[in-house]
Structures are given as C-alpha cells and as structure tokens.
Amino acid sequence: MNGLQSEDAMTTEGQDSPEGGTADRRTGARQISVLINAGIVHRGDDALCRIRNLSTGGVMIECPLPLAVDDPVELHLRSGSHVRGTVRWAKEGQAGVAFDDPASAALVGATQQPAPKRVSIRRQPESASPIGHPVFRRNCWAHLSAGNMKGRTPVLQISPAGIIVENCVEWGGERLFSVTIEGLGRYSARLDNPLCVEDAETAALIFVEPVLYRTFNEWLIATPRRAESEPAVPPENGCPAGRHGARGLDLTEQS
C-alpha cells in the first residue's frame, strides 16, 4: 500500500484479531506506508525491526522477537532518538504498537528524511554515530587484516553499516580492512575519518556493503548481548592477545 490510508496504523494488520478491534479502526487516524529500519528493545532482548505503517497514534512493525499484547517496547531510531510504546496486537511476526507519547509520531516520521552529511568525529553531536543507528552491543571480536598486517579487536558497537572498536594509533597507515566477525562473515571496511584517528578513543570501520537485514538480525539474536561496561570475552581460537591486552587492538606483521 502506498500513500495515506483511512485506517489506523496499529490496526491495519490486526483487524482480523481481537487486538485490532473495530473501535480502533473507526478512529479515522490517517496512516502512511513507510519502510524504516529501527532497533527494538523488549524484555531485555533487542533486534532490528521494520516499521511498515505510521500514524499519529502508533506504528505497525515487522519484528523477529516474540511480542505479546500489552508488552512495553522501545524503538531506537536511526536519528539516535528513542520512542516508547505498548503492543496492541501481535500476529505472525507483525505487531501494532501504540505510542506512549503522541509526539513520537513526528520523531519516527523525521527518520524518512535523508540522513545529514557525516561530520568529523570531533564535532559530532552526542547522539550521532559514525556507523548510524540503531547500534547494538554484542560479545564479539573482529579479526582484521590490512596490507601485511593482521590482528583482532573487541567490537564495542555494531550496526548493519559497520563497527566501532577501541582505537589504536598503530594502524600502519592502512585505510581499507578485511573484517571477519564469527557467525556474521567477512566484509570489506574502510576506516572512517582517518584524520581524526589519533585524537579519538574509538575508531569506526564502515562496511563497503552493509550487512543484509535478515543476516544481521539472525546473528543478533544468536549472539549474546554485552553490557556497556562489560568487556568482551576473547575467542578461544584466533589471534593471540597482543600488546594492548584483552581489550585493545593488536596488529602484527604477517610472516
């Protein structure tokens, strides 16, 4: 469906279920069909979801997490904003979510606009991320190779667009890396904002080709979450820990 509809976004897909009752459909709230990727947090779990319909009262989403009526959820938008809502119906991987705050509709709608031009890491606002939003934390390590160097580093944050890792000034002048993440695969990535690397505590590697939605979501669900203050557990196999220890990047010469 394209354009504005006469039914509420929360009830379009739920009209055959008790949760999507006729009383909601008679409200006449206008909805628009959209396709917006967002993060969803539900009962301690998180994943990617897709917002498919938007109205002033809520959204219809596609979500791999098991949602139930009256569950509270939080949507993380690519702008860095968060909106909260309550599940009104859930059926076969889709759900209607009513906003807790009516102003949330404007925040969601704004994410359809083109993303602003990326600026230097030094001048980015606090909510900005060089790898975009939503971002996730998982207990995983990245194995890197660039030129005649190779090594590994814990992944601090990850999105379909790239990863953020602890910075190390010993990048060897390399700007293009091969990044392998267990269970997710191998990707080519470029170092973001190379002129700012020496002044930053973290560095961003942007995938040349973003990870596919389904591939990324399956990996997210299968990989343990990591708290922000929790260090990543080193893998049992792979490169040995280097001179920067368990939490730092180590690039060593290949023989």
C-alpha atoms as a PDB file:
ATOM      1  CA  MET A   1       0.000   0.000   0.000  1.00  0.00           C
ATOM      2  CA  ASN A   2       1.215   3.479  -0.789  1.00  0.00           C
ATOM      3  CA  GLY A   3       0.037   6.870   0.332  1.00  0.00           C
ATOM      4  CA  LEU A   4      -2.275   7.792   3.159  1.00  0.00           C
ATOM      5  CA  GLN A   5      -4.830   5.308   4.417  1.00  0.00           C
ATOM      6  CA  SER A   6      -8.004   5.750   6.409  1.00  0.00           C
ATOM      7  CA  GLU A   7      -7.257   3.022   8.945  1.00  0.00           C
ATOM      8  CA  ASP A   8      -5.041   3.353  11.981  1.00  0.00           C
ATOM      9  CA  ALA A   9      -1.516   2.005  11.540  1.00  0.00           C
ATOM     10  CA  MET A  10      -1.868  -0.017  14.712  1.00  0.00           C
ATOM     11  CA  THR A  11      -4.824  -1.998  13.399  1.00  0.00           C
ATOM     12  CA  THR A  12      -4.249  -2.471   9.659  1.00  0.00           C
ATOM     13  CA  GLU A  13      -2.673  -5.892  10.044  1.00  0.00           C
ATOM     14  CA  GLY A  14      -4.571  -6.772  13.204  1.00  0.00           C
ATOM     15  CA  GLN A  15      -8.128  -6.231  12.009  1.00  0.00           C
ATOM     16  CA  ASP A  16      -8.801  -9.982  11.931  1.00  0.00           C
ATOM     17  CA  SER A  17      -7.574 -10.414  15.515  1.00  0.00           C
ATOM     18  CA  PRO A  18      -9.271  -9.424  18.772  1.00  0.00           C
ATOM     19  CA  GLU A  19      -6.469  -6.960  19.440  1.00  0.00           C
ATOM     20  CA  GLY A  20      -7.285  -4.948  16.331  1.00  0.00           C
ATOM     21  CA  GLY A  21     -10.881  -4.166  17.226  1.00  0.00           C
ATOM     22  CA  THR A  22     -13.305  -2.129  15.146  1.00  0.00           C
ATOM     23  CA  ALA A  23     -13.336   0.650  17.715  1.00  0.00           C
ATOM     24  CA  ASP A  24      -9.730   1.493  16.830  1.00  0.00           C
ATOM     25  CA  ARG A  25     -10.411   1.318  13.110  1.00  0.00           C
ATOM     26  CA  ARG A  26     -13.261   3.803  13.433  1.00  0.00           C
ATOM     27  CA  THR A  27     -10.954   6.473  14.855  1.00  0.00           C
ATOM     28  CA  GLY A  28     -10.145   7.599  11.324  1.00  0.00           C
ATOM     29  CA  ALA A  29      -6.481   8.167  12.164  1.00  0.00           C
ATOM     30  CA  ARG A  30      -4.509   8.597   8.964  1.00  0.00           C
ATOM     31  CA  GLN A  31      -1.564   6.350   8.274  1.00  0.00           C
ATOM     32  CA  ILE A  32       1.211   6.279   5.747  1.00  0.00           C
ATOM     33  CA  SER A  33       3.120   3.276   4.445  1.00  0.00           C
ATOM     34  CA  VAL A  34       6.836   3.506   5.202  1.00  0.00           C
ATOM     35  CA  LEU A  35       9.887   1.265   5.312  1.00  0.00           C
ATOM     36  CA  ILE A  36      12.122   2.294   8.215  1.00  0.00           C
ATOM     37  CA  ASN A  37      14.676   0.080   9.931  1.00  0.00           C
ATOM     38  CA  ALA A  38      14.803   0.553  13.696  1.00  0.00           C
ATOM     39  CA  GLY A  39      16.057  -1.206  16.777  1.00  0.00           C
ATOM     40  CA  ILE A  40      13.564  -2.700  19.205  1.00  0.00           C
ATOM     41  CA  VAL A  41      14.127  -3.474  22.888  1.00  0.00           C
ATOM     42  CA  HIS A  42      11.724  -5.905  24.540  1.00  0.00           C
ATOM     43  CA  ARG A  43      12.106  -7.550  27.948  1.00  0.00           C
ATOM     44  CA  GLY A  44      15.892  -7.340  27.895  1.00  0.00           C
ATOM     45  CA  ASP A  45      16.268  -8.535  24.297  1.00  0.00           C
ATOM     46  CA  ASP A  46      16.940  -6.376  21.261  1.00  0.00           C
ATOM     47  CA  ALA A  47      16.897  -6.803  17.498  1.00  0.00           C
ATOM     48  CA  LEU A  48      16.262  -4.982  14.258  1.00  0.00           C
ATOM     49  CA  CYS A  49      12.681  -4.376  13.223  1.00  0.00           C
ATOM     50  CA  ARG A  50      10.991  -2.733  10.261  1.00  0.00           C
ATOM     51  CA  ILE A  51       8.388  -0.012  10.628  1.00  0.00           C
ATOM     52  CA  ARG A  52       5.881  -0.539   7.807  1.00  0.00           C
ATOM     53  CA  ASN A  53       2.994   1.789   8.687  1.00  0.00           C
ATOM     54  CA  LEU A  54       2.973   5.035  10.652  1.00  0.00           C
ATOM     55  CA  SER A  55       0.105   7.065  12.100  1.00  0.00           C
ATOM     56  CA  THR A  56      -0.226   9.728  14.763  1.00  0.00           C
ATOM     57  CA  GLY A  57      -1.146   7.008  17.254  1.00  0.00           C
ATOM     58  CA  GLY A  58       1.436   4.332  16.560  1.00  0.00           C
ATOM     59  CA  VAL A  59       3.197   2.054  14.105  1.00  0.00           C
ATOM     60  CA  MET A  60       2.888  -1.365  12.558  1.00  0.00           C
ATOM     61  CA  ILE A  61       6.188  -3.237  12.695  1.00  0.00           C
ATOM     62  CA  GLU A  62       7.740  -6.460  11.474  1.00  0.00           C
ATOM     63  CA  CYS A  63       9.731  -7.945  14.340  1.00  0.00           C
ATOM     64  CA  PRO A  64      11.511 -11.283  14.990  1.00  0.00           C
ATOM     65  CA  LEU A  65      11.046 -11.069  18.772  1.00  0.00           C
ATOM     66  CA  PRO A  66       8.075 -12.811  20.447  1.00  0.00           C
ATOM     67  CA  LEU A  67       5.801  -9.886  21.314  1.00  0.00           C
ATOM     68  CA  ALA A  68       2.515 -10.124  23.214  1.00  0.00           C
ATOM     69  CA  VAL A  69      -0.383  -7.753  23.795  1.00  0.00           C
ATOM     70  CA  ASP A  70       0.322  -5.065  26.433  1.00  0.00           C
ATOM     71  CA  ASP A  71       4.095  -5.632  26.302  1.00  0.00           C
ATOM     72  CA  PRO A  72       6.094  -2.390  26.629  1.00  0.00           C
ATOM     73  CA  VAL A  73       8.687  -1.855  23.891  1.00  0.00           C
ATOM     74  CA  GLU A  74      11.227   0.789  22.978  1.00  0.00           C
ATOM     75  CA  LEU A  75      12.112   1.685  19.398  1.00  0.00           C
ATOM     76  CA  HIS A  76      15.573   3.053  18.631  1.00  0.00           C
ATOM     77  CA  LEU A  77      15.553   5.242  15.523  1.00  0.00           C
ATOM     78  CA  ARG A  78      18.396   5.961  13.130  1.00  0.00           C
ATOM     79  CA  SER A  79      18.361   9.578  14.307  1.00  0.00           C
ATOM     80  CA  GLY A  80      19.501   8.339  17.716  1.00  0.00           C
ATOM     81  CA  SER A  81      16.107   9.095  19.306  1.00  0.00           C
ATOM     82  CA  HIS A  82      14.159   6.527  21.327  1.00  0.00           C
ATOM     83  CA  VAL A  83      10.371   6.202  21.457  1.00  0.00           C
ATOM     84  CA  ARG A  84       8.329   4.035  23.804  1.00  0.00           C
ATOM     85  CA  GLY A  85       5.077   2.255  23.166  1.00  0.00           C
ATOM     86  CA  THR A  86       2.769  -0.620  24.071  1.00  0.00           C
ATOM     87  CA  VAL A  87       1.910  -3.625  21.904  1.00  0.00           C
ATOM     88  CA  ARG A  88      -1.791  -3.601  20.963  1.00  0.00           C
ATOM     89  CA  TRP A  89      -1.799  -6.697  18.755  1.00  0.00           C
ATOM     90  CA  ALA A  90       0.756  -9.252  17.598  1.00  0.00           C
ATOM     91  CA  LYS A  91       0.419 -11.830  14.863  1.00  0.00           C
ATOM     92  CA  GLU A  92       2.902 -13.874  12.781  1.00  0.00           C
ATOM     93  CA  GLY A  93       5.929 -11.628  13.127  1.00  0.00           C
ATOM     94  CA  GLN A  94       3.975  -8.377  12.926  1.00  0.00           C
ATOM     95  CA  ALA A  95       2.676  -6.130  15.674  1.00  0.00           C
ATOM     96  CA  GLY A  96       0.837  -2.880  16.248  1.00  0.00           C
ATOM     97  CA  VAL A  97       2.477  -0.549  18.748  1.00  0.00           C
ATOM     98  CA  ALA A  98       0.682   2.430  20.306  1.00  0.00           C
ATOM     99  CA  PHE A  99       2.913   5.364  21.207  1.00  0.00           C
ATOM    100  CA  ASP A 100       3.107   6.298  24.883  1.00  0.00           C
ATOM    101  CA  ASP A 101       3.694   9.912  23.783  1.00  0.00           C
ATOM    102  CA  PRO A 102       1.789  11.304  20.751  1.00  0.00           C
ATOM    103  CA  ALA A 103       4.856  13.405  19.884  1.00  0.00           C
ATOM    104  CA  SER A 104       6.668  10.170  18.974  1.00  0.00           C
ATOM    105  CA  ALA A 105       4.994  10.127  15.548  1.00  0.00           C
ATOM    106  CA  ALA A 106       6.962  13.202  14.488  1.00  0.00           C
ATOM    107  CA  LEU A 107      10.243  11.611  15.617  1.00  0.00           C
ATOM    108  CA  VAL A 108       9.554   8.449  13.619  1.00  0.00           C
ATOM    109  CA  GLY A 109       8.401  10.388  10.568  1.00  0.00           C
ATOM    110  CA  ALA A 110      11.543  12.519  10.601  1.00  0.00           C
ATOM    111  CA  THR A 111      13.700   9.424  10.031  1.00  0.00           C
ATOM    112  CA  GLN A 112      12.326   9.195   6.484  1.00  0.00           C
ATOM    113  CA  GLN A 113      14.274  12.337   5.606  1.00  0.00           C
ATOM    114  CA  PRO A 114      17.784  11.979   4.118  1.00  0.00           C
ATOM    115  CA  ALA A 115      20.434  11.491   6.778  1.00  0.00           C
ATOM    116  CA  PRO A 116      22.592  14.587   7.376  1.00  0.00           C
ATOM    117  CA  LYS A 117      26.062  14.639   5.888  1.00  0.00           C
ATOM    118  CA  ARG A 118      28.539  12.902   8.176  1.00  0.00           C
ATOM    119  CA  VAL A 119      30.797  15.273  10.055  1.00  0.00           C
ATOM    120  CA  SER A 120      34.111  14.785  11.796  1.00  0.00           C
ATOM    121  CA  ILE A 121      34.090  12.572  14.886  1.00  0.00           C
ATOM    122  CA  ARG A 122      35.340  15.574  16.857  1.00  0.00           C
ATOM    123  CA  ARG A 123      32.251  17.630  16.040  1.00  0.00           C
ATOM    124  CA  GLN A 124      29.523  15.001  16.077  1.00  0.00           C
ATOM    125  CA  PRO A 125      26.640  15.575  18.487  1.00  0.00           C
ATOM    126  CA  GLU A 126      26.382  13.128  21.366  1.00  0.00           C
ATOM    127  CA  SER A 127      23.515  11.202  19.724  1.00  0.00           C
ATOM    128  CA  ALA A 128      25.338  10.787  16.404  1.00  0.00           C
ATOM    129  CA  SER A 129      27.164   7.622  15.429  1.00  0.00           C
ATOM    130  CA  PRO A 130      29.562   7.200  12.504  1.00  0.00           C
ATOM    131  CA  ILE A 131      28.055   3.747  11.851  1.00  0.00           C
ATOM    132  CA  GLY A 132      24.483   5.034  12.034  1.00  0.00           C
ATOM    133  CA  HIS A 133      21.644   3.992  14.288  1.00  0.00           C
ATOM    134  CA  PRO A 134      20.419   1.716  15.675  1.00  0.00           C
ATOM    135  CA  VAL A 135      23.594   0.288  17.182  1.00  0.00           C
ATOM    136  CA  PHE A 136      23.942  -2.894  19.220  1.00  0.00           C
ATOM    137  CA  ARG A 137      26.375  -4.346  21.743  1.00  0.00           C
ATOM    138  CA  ARG A 138      27.317  -7.990  21.414  1.00  0.00           C
ATOM    139  CA  ASN A 139      30.032 -10.161  22.916  1.00  0.00           C
ATOM    140  CA  CYS A 140      32.081 -10.482  19.741  1.00  0.00           C
ATOM    141  CA  TRP A 141      35.519  -9.807  18.311  1.00  0.00           C
ATOM    142  CA  ALA A 142      36.577  -8.658  14.876  1.00  0.00           C
ATOM    143  CA  HIS A 143      39.525 -10.234  13.095  1.00  0.00           C
ATOM    144  CA  LEU A 144      41.175  -7.622  10.889  1.00  0.00           C
ATOM    145  CA  SER A 145      43.652  -7.780   8.059  1.00  0.00           C
ATOM    146  CA  ALA A 146      45.066  -4.871   6.094  1.00  0.00           C
ATOM    147  CA  GLY A 147      48.066  -4.952   3.808  1.00  0.00           C
ATOM    148  CA  ASN A 148      50.679  -7.065   5.568  1.00  0.00           C
ATOM    149  CA  MET A 149      49.046  -6.622   8.982  1.00  0.00           C
ATOM    150  CA  LYS A 150      46.535  -8.755  10.831  1.00  0.00           C
ATOM    151  CA  GLY A 151      45.002  -8.781  14.288  1.00  0.00           C
ATOM    152  CA  ARG A 152      41.834  -8.763  16.344  1.00  0.00           C
ATOM    153  CA  THR A 153      39.890  -6.310  18.451  1.00  0.00           C
ATOM    154  CA  PRO A 154      36.725  -6.409  20.587  1.00  0.00           C
ATOM    155  CA  VAL A 155      33.703  -4.840  18.931  1.00  0.00           C
ATOM    156  CA  LEU A 156      32.271  -2.067  21.106  1.00  0.00           C
ATOM    157  CA  GLN A 157      29.224  -1.385  18.915  1.00  0.00           C
ATOM    158  CA  ILE A 158      27.875  -2.854  15.710  1.00  0.00           C
ATOM    159  CA  SER A 159      25.229  -1.930  13.153  1.00  0.00           C
ATOM    160  CA  PRO A 160      24.468  -3.227   9.656  1.00  0.00           C
ATOM    161  CA  ALA A 161      26.684  -0.386   8.391  1.00  0.00           C
ATOM    162  CA  GLY A 162      29.852  -1.047  10.390  1.00  0.00           C
ATOM    163  CA  ILE A 163      31.592  -1.473  13.734  1.00  0.00           C
ATOM    164  CA  ILE A 164      33.157   0.729  16.399  1.00  0.00           C
ATOM    165  CA  VAL A 165      36.325  -0.579  18.031  1.00  0.00           C
ATOM    166  CA  GLU A 166      38.837   0.689  20.545  1.00  0.00           C
ATOM    167  CA  ASN A 167      41.287   2.931  18.784  1.00  0.00           C
ATOM    168  CA  CYS A 168      44.975   2.263  18.368  1.00  0.00           C
ATOM    169  CA  VAL A 169      47.368   4.718  16.754  1.00  0.00           C
ATOM    170  CA  GLU A 170      49.310   1.834  15.199  1.00  0.00           C
ATOM    171  CA  TRP A 171      47.054   1.449  12.168  1.00  0.00           C
ATOM    172  CA  GLY A 172      50.091   1.366   9.922  1.00  0.00           C
ATOM    173  CA  GLY A 173      48.576   3.915   7.546  1.00  0.00           C
ATOM    174  CA  GLU A 174      46.009   1.398   6.297  1.00  0.00           C
ATOM    175  CA  ARG A 175      42.547   2.654   5.340  1.00  0.00           C
ATOM    176  CA  LEU A 176      40.853  -0.461   3.902  1.00  0.00           C
ATOM    177  CA  PHE A 177      40.414  -3.552   6.062  1.00  0.00           C
ATOM    178  CA  SER A 178      39.059  -7.058   5.732  1.00  0.00           C
ATOM    179  CA  VAL A 179      36.826  -7.601   8.777  1.00  0.00           C
ATOM    180  CA  THR A 180      35.709 -11.076   9.868  1.00  0.00           C
ATOM    181  CA  ILE A 181      33.172 -11.490  12.671  1.00  0.00           C
ATOM    182  CA  GLU A 182      32.389 -15.014  13.815  1.00  0.00           C
ATOM    183  CA  GLY A 183      28.941 -16.086  12.667  1.00  0.00           C
ATOM    184  CA  LEU A 184      28.421 -12.957  10.578  1.00  0.00           C
ATOM    185  CA  GLY A 185      31.054 -13.376   7.886  1.00  0.00           C
ATOM    186  CA  ARG A 186      33.764 -11.347   6.189  1.00  0.00           C
ATOM    187  CA  TYR A 187      33.317  -7.784   4.982  1.00  0.00           C
ATOM    188  CA  SER A 188      35.480  -5.105   3.437  1.00  0.00           C
ATOM    189  CA  ALA A 189      35.502  -1.950   5.544  1.00  0.00           C
ATOM    190  CA  ARG A 190      37.087   1.475   5.372  1.00  0.00           C
ATOM    191  CA  LEU A 191      38.424   3.487   8.274  1.00  0.00           C
ATOM    192  CA  ASP A 192      36.100   6.420   8.922  1.00  0.00           C
ATOM    193  CA  ASN A 193      37.541   9.915   9.398  1.00  0.00           C
ATOM    194  CA  PRO A 194      41.196   8.810   9.206  1.00  0.00           C
ATOM    195  CA  LEU A 195      42.489  12.293  10.030  1.00  0.00           C
ATOM    196  CA  CYS A 196      40.836  12.138  13.468  1.00  0.00           C
ATOM    197  CA  VAL A 197      42.008   8.672  14.496  1.00  0.00           C
ATOM    198  CA  GLU A 198      44.930   9.747  16.657  1.00  0.00           C
ATOM    199  CA  ASP A 199      42.724  12.060  18.749  1.00  0.00           C
ATOM    200  CA  ALA A 200      39.820   9.643  19.240  1.00  0.00           C
ATOM    201  CA  GLU A 201      39.360   6.926  21.848  1.00  0.00           C
ATOM    202  CA  THR A 202      37.458   4.793  19.360  1.00  0.00           C
ATOM    203  CA  ALA A 203      37.573   4.216  15.626  1.00  0.00           C
ATOM    204  CA  ALA A 204      34.813   3.321  13.177  1.00  0.00           C
ATOM    205  CA  LEU A 205      35.111   0.819  10.350  1.00  0.00           C
ATOM    206  CA  ILE A 206      32.375   1.307   7.744  1.00  0.00           C
ATOM    207  CA  PHE A 207      31.387  -1.740   5.703  1.00  0.00           C
ATOM    208  CA  VAL A 208      31.716  -1.185   1.959  1.00  0.00           C
ATOM    209  CA  GLU A 209      28.469  -3.167   1.562  1.00  0.00           C
ATOM    210  CA  PRO A 210      26.042  -3.142   4.527  1.00  0.00           C
ATOM    211  CA  VAL A 211      25.046  -6.448   6.100  1.00  0.00           C
ATOM    212  CA  LEU A 212      21.719  -7.743   4.819  1.00  0.00           C
ATOM    213  CA  TYR A 213      18.770  -7.165   7.167  1.00  0.00           C
ATOM    214  CA  ARG A 214      17.878 -10.834   7.665  1.00  0.00           C
ATOM    215  CA  THR A 215      21.509 -11.953   8.014  1.00  0.00           C
ATOM    216  CA  PHE A 216      22.226  -9.278  10.601  1.00  0.00           C
ATOM    217  CA  ASN A 217      19.067  -9.990  12.599  1.00  0.00           C
ATOM    218  CA  GLU A 218      19.698 -13.736  12.750  1.00  0.00           C
ATOM    219  CA  TRP A 219      23.226 -13.051  14.003  1.00  0.00           C
ATOM    220  CA  LEU A 220      21.978 -10.522  16.583  1.00  0.00           C
ATOM    221  CA  ILE A 221      19.503 -12.975  18.068  1.00  0.00           C
ATOM    222  CA  ALA A 222      22.068 -15.805  18.187  1.00  0.00           C
ATOM    223  CA  THR A 223      24.890 -13.728  19.735  1.00  0.00           C
ATOM    224  CA  PRO A 224      24.923 -12.906  23.477  1.00  0.00           C
ATOM    225  CA  ARG A 225      24.362  -9.289  24.441  1.00  0.00           C
ATOM    226  CA  ARG A 226      27.105  -7.369  26.216  1.00  0.00           C
ATOM    227  CA  ALA A 227      26.539  -4.615  28.762  1.00  0.00           C
ATOM    228  CA  GLU A 228      28.260  -1.303  28.053  1.00  0.00           C
ATOM    229  CA  SER A 229      30.647  -1.741  30.995  1.00  0.00           C
ATOM    230  CA  GLU A 230      31.259  -5.442  30.350  1.00  0.00           C
ATOM    231  CA  PRO A 231      34.468  -6.381  28.480  1.00  0.00           C
ATOM    232  CA  ALA A 232      34.219  -8.700  25.502  1.00  0.00           C
ATOM    233  CA  VAL A 233      35.320 -12.275  26.175  1.00  0.00           C
ATOM    234  CA  PRO A 234      38.281 -13.209  23.950  1.00  0.00           C
ATOM    235  CA  PRO A 235      37.582 -16.034  21.478  1.00  0.00           C
ATOM    236  CA  GLU A 236      39.130 -19.408  22.231  1.00  0.00           C
ATOM    237  CA  ASN A 237      40.672 -19.583  18.771  1.00  0.00           C
ATOM    238  CA  GLY A 238      42.229 -16.998  16.516  1.00  0.00           C
ATOM    239  CA  CYS A 239      44.973 -14.450  17.002  1.00  0.00           C
ATOM    240  CA  PRO A 240      46.638 -14.374  20.434  1.00  0.00           C
ATOM    241  CA  ALA A 241      46.067 -11.344  22.637  1.00  0.00           C
ATOM    242  CA  GLY A 242      48.515  -8.644  21.664  1.00  0.00           C
ATOM    243  CA  ARG A 243      50.425  -5.950  23.473  1.00  0.00           C
ATOM    244  CA  HIS A 244      47.244  -3.949  24.025  1.00  0.00           C
ATOM    245  CA  GLY A 245      45.772  -6.745  26.148  1.00  0.00           C
ATOM    246  CA  ALA A 246      42.335  -8.323  26.058  1.00  0.00           C
ATOM    247  CA  ARG A 247      40.553  -5.052  25.298  1.00  0.00           C
ATOM    248  CA  GLY A 248      42.904  -3.426  22.798  1.00  0.00           C
ATOM    249  CA  LEU A 249      43.646  -3.739  19.114  1.00  0.00           C
ATOM    250  CA  ASP A 250      46.741  -5.675  18.145  1.00  0.00           C
ATOM    251  CA  LEU A 251      48.044  -5.530  14.609  1.00  0.00           C
ATOM    252  CA  THR A 252      51.077  -7.662  13.914  1.00  0.00           C
ATOM    253  CA  GLU A 253      53.150  -8.267  10.820  1.00  0.00           C
ATOM    254  CA  GLN A 254      52.181 -11.307   8.797  1.00  0.00           C
ATOM    255  CA  SER A 255      55.024 -13.649   8.023  1.00  0.00           C
END
